[in-house]
Amino acid sequence: MPPKQYSFKVKGVLISDKDKSEDDFSIFITAMDDNHAVMLVREHLRNHAPKGNSVIKGIEKKAD
């Protein structure tokens, strides 16, 4: 039986390496817990966002 998964809304800021500009982001993701959600979001940003650093500002579990 697969582990229970929940929906999370993760908010934060992406800081560009080029010009140090900051862009807010908000992403919905399905994960086992909040730590897993942050790990998945960081992996997604590493693969699909411009090069830079991400700062997670908030995470909330959404009702099923």
C-alpha atoms as a PDB file:
ATOM      1  CA  MET A   1       0.000   0.000   0.000  1.00  0.00           C
ATOM      2  CA  PRO A   2       1.493   3.372  -1.014  1.00  0.00           C
ATOM      3  CA  PRO A   3       2.135   5.988   1.682  1.00  0.00           C
ATOM      4  CA  LYS A   4      -0.505   8.654   2.310  1.00  0.00           C
ATOM      5  CA  GLN A   5       0.143  11.838   0.328  1.00  0.00           C
ATOM      6  CA  TYR A   6      -1.149  15.342   0.976  1.00  0.00           C
ATOM      7  CA  SER A   7      -1.344  18.569  -1.019  1.00  0.00           C
ATOM      8  CA  PHE A   8       0.876  21.461   0.047  1.00  0.00           C
ATOM      9  CA  LYS A   9       1.178  25.070  -1.060  1.00  0.00           C
ATOM     10  CA  VAL A  10       4.796  26.224  -0.859  1.00  0.00           C
ATOM     11  CA  LYS A  11       5.645  29.944  -1.118  1.00  0.00           C
ATOM     12  CA  GLY A  12       9.019  31.591  -1.344  1.00  0.00           C
ATOM     13  CA  VAL A  13      11.469  33.805  -3.188  1.00  0.00           C
ATOM     14  CA  LEU A  14      13.853  32.918  -6.000  1.00  0.00           C
ATOM     15  CA  ILE A  15      17.029  35.060  -6.010  1.00  0.00           C
ATOM     16  CA  SER A  16      18.714  35.233  -9.411  1.00  0.00           C
ATOM     17  CA  ASP A  17      22.487  34.637  -9.613  1.00  0.00           C
ATOM     18  CA  LYS A  18      22.801  37.101 -12.503  1.00  0.00           C
ATOM     19  CA  ASP A  19      21.465  40.341 -11.046  1.00  0.00           C
ATOM     20  CA  LYS A  20      20.349  39.333  -7.510  1.00  0.00           C
ATOM     21  CA  SER A  21      16.733  40.197  -8.388  1.00  0.00           C
ATOM     22  CA  GLU A  22      14.029  38.542  -6.306  1.00  0.00           C
ATOM     23  CA  ASP A  23      10.915  36.856  -7.699  1.00  0.00           C
ATOM     24  CA  ASP A  24       8.137  35.446  -5.541  1.00  0.00           C
ATOM     25  CA  PHE A  25       6.870  31.967  -6.317  1.00  0.00           C
ATOM     26  CA  SER A  26       3.995  29.833  -5.120  1.00  0.00           C
ATOM     27  CA  ILE A  27       3.642  26.191  -6.090  1.00  0.00           C
ATOM     28  CA  PHE A  28       1.242  23.369  -5.256  1.00  0.00           C
ATOM     29  CA  ILE A  29       2.772  19.933  -4.778  1.00  0.00           C
ATOM     30  CA  THR A  30       1.734  16.491  -3.551  1.00  0.00           C
ATOM     31  CA  ALA A  31       4.032  14.971  -0.935  1.00  0.00           C
ATOM     32  CA  MET A  32       4.113  12.736   2.155  1.00  0.00           C
ATOM     33  CA  ASP A  33       4.895  15.573   4.600  1.00  0.00           C
ATOM     34  CA  ASP A  34       6.102  19.180   4.648  1.00  0.00           C
ATOM     35  CA  ASN A  35       9.812  18.253   4.547  1.00  0.00           C
ATOM     36  CA  HIS A  36       9.219  16.050   1.501  1.00  0.00           C
ATOM     37  CA  ALA A  37       7.259  18.892  -0.154  1.00  0.00           C
ATOM     38  CA  VAL A  38      10.150  21.343   0.329  1.00  0.00           C
ATOM     39  CA  MET A  39      12.616  18.804  -1.055  1.00  0.00           C
ATOM     40  CA  LEU A  40      10.443  18.277  -4.170  1.00  0.00           C
ATOM     41  CA  VAL A  41       9.973  22.030  -4.711  1.00  0.00           C
ATOM     42  CA  ARG A  42      13.721  22.690  -4.458  1.00  0.00           C
ATOM     43  CA  GLU A  43      14.375  19.877  -6.968  1.00  0.00           C
ATOM     44  CA  HIS A  44      11.755  21.321  -9.337  1.00  0.00           C
ATOM     45  CA  LEU A  45      13.273  24.813  -9.091  1.00  0.00           C
ATOM     46  CA  ARG A  46      16.793  23.423  -9.641  1.00  0.00           C
ATOM     47  CA  ASN A  47      15.620  21.809 -12.898  1.00  0.00           C
ATOM     48  CA  HIS A  48      13.162  24.397 -14.244  1.00  0.00           C
ATOM     49  CA  ALA A  49      13.919  27.859 -12.832  1.00  0.00           C
ATOM     50  CA  PRO A  50      16.711  30.297 -13.712  1.00  0.00           C
ATOM     51  CA  LYS A  51      19.967  29.713 -11.820  1.00  0.00           C
ATOM     52  CA  GLY A  52      19.859  31.128  -8.318  1.00  0.00           C
ATOM     53  CA  ASN A  53      18.941  30.469  -4.716  1.00  0.00           C
ATOM     54  CA  SER A  54      15.505  29.744  -3.316  1.00  0.00           C
ATOM     55  CA  VAL A  55      14.218  30.832   0.081  1.00  0.00           C
ATOM     56  CA  ILE A  56      11.104  29.055   1.349  1.00  0.00           C
ATOM     57  CA  LYS A  57       8.897  31.573   3.184  1.00  0.00           C
ATOM     58  CA  GLY A  58       5.866  29.421   3.965  1.00  0.00           C
ATOM     59  CA  ILE A  59       4.224  26.064   3.558  1.00  0.00           C
ATOM     60  CA  GLU A  60       0.631  25.126   4.246  1.00  0.00           C
ATOM     61  CA  LYS A  61      -1.148  21.825   4.063  1.00  0.00           C
ATOM     62  CA  LYS A  62      -4.283  22.016   1.938  1.00  0.00           C
ATOM     63  CA  ALA A  63      -7.423  20.120   2.955  1.00  0.00           C
ATOM     64  CA  ASP A  64      -8.154  16.984   0.923  1.00  0.00           C
END
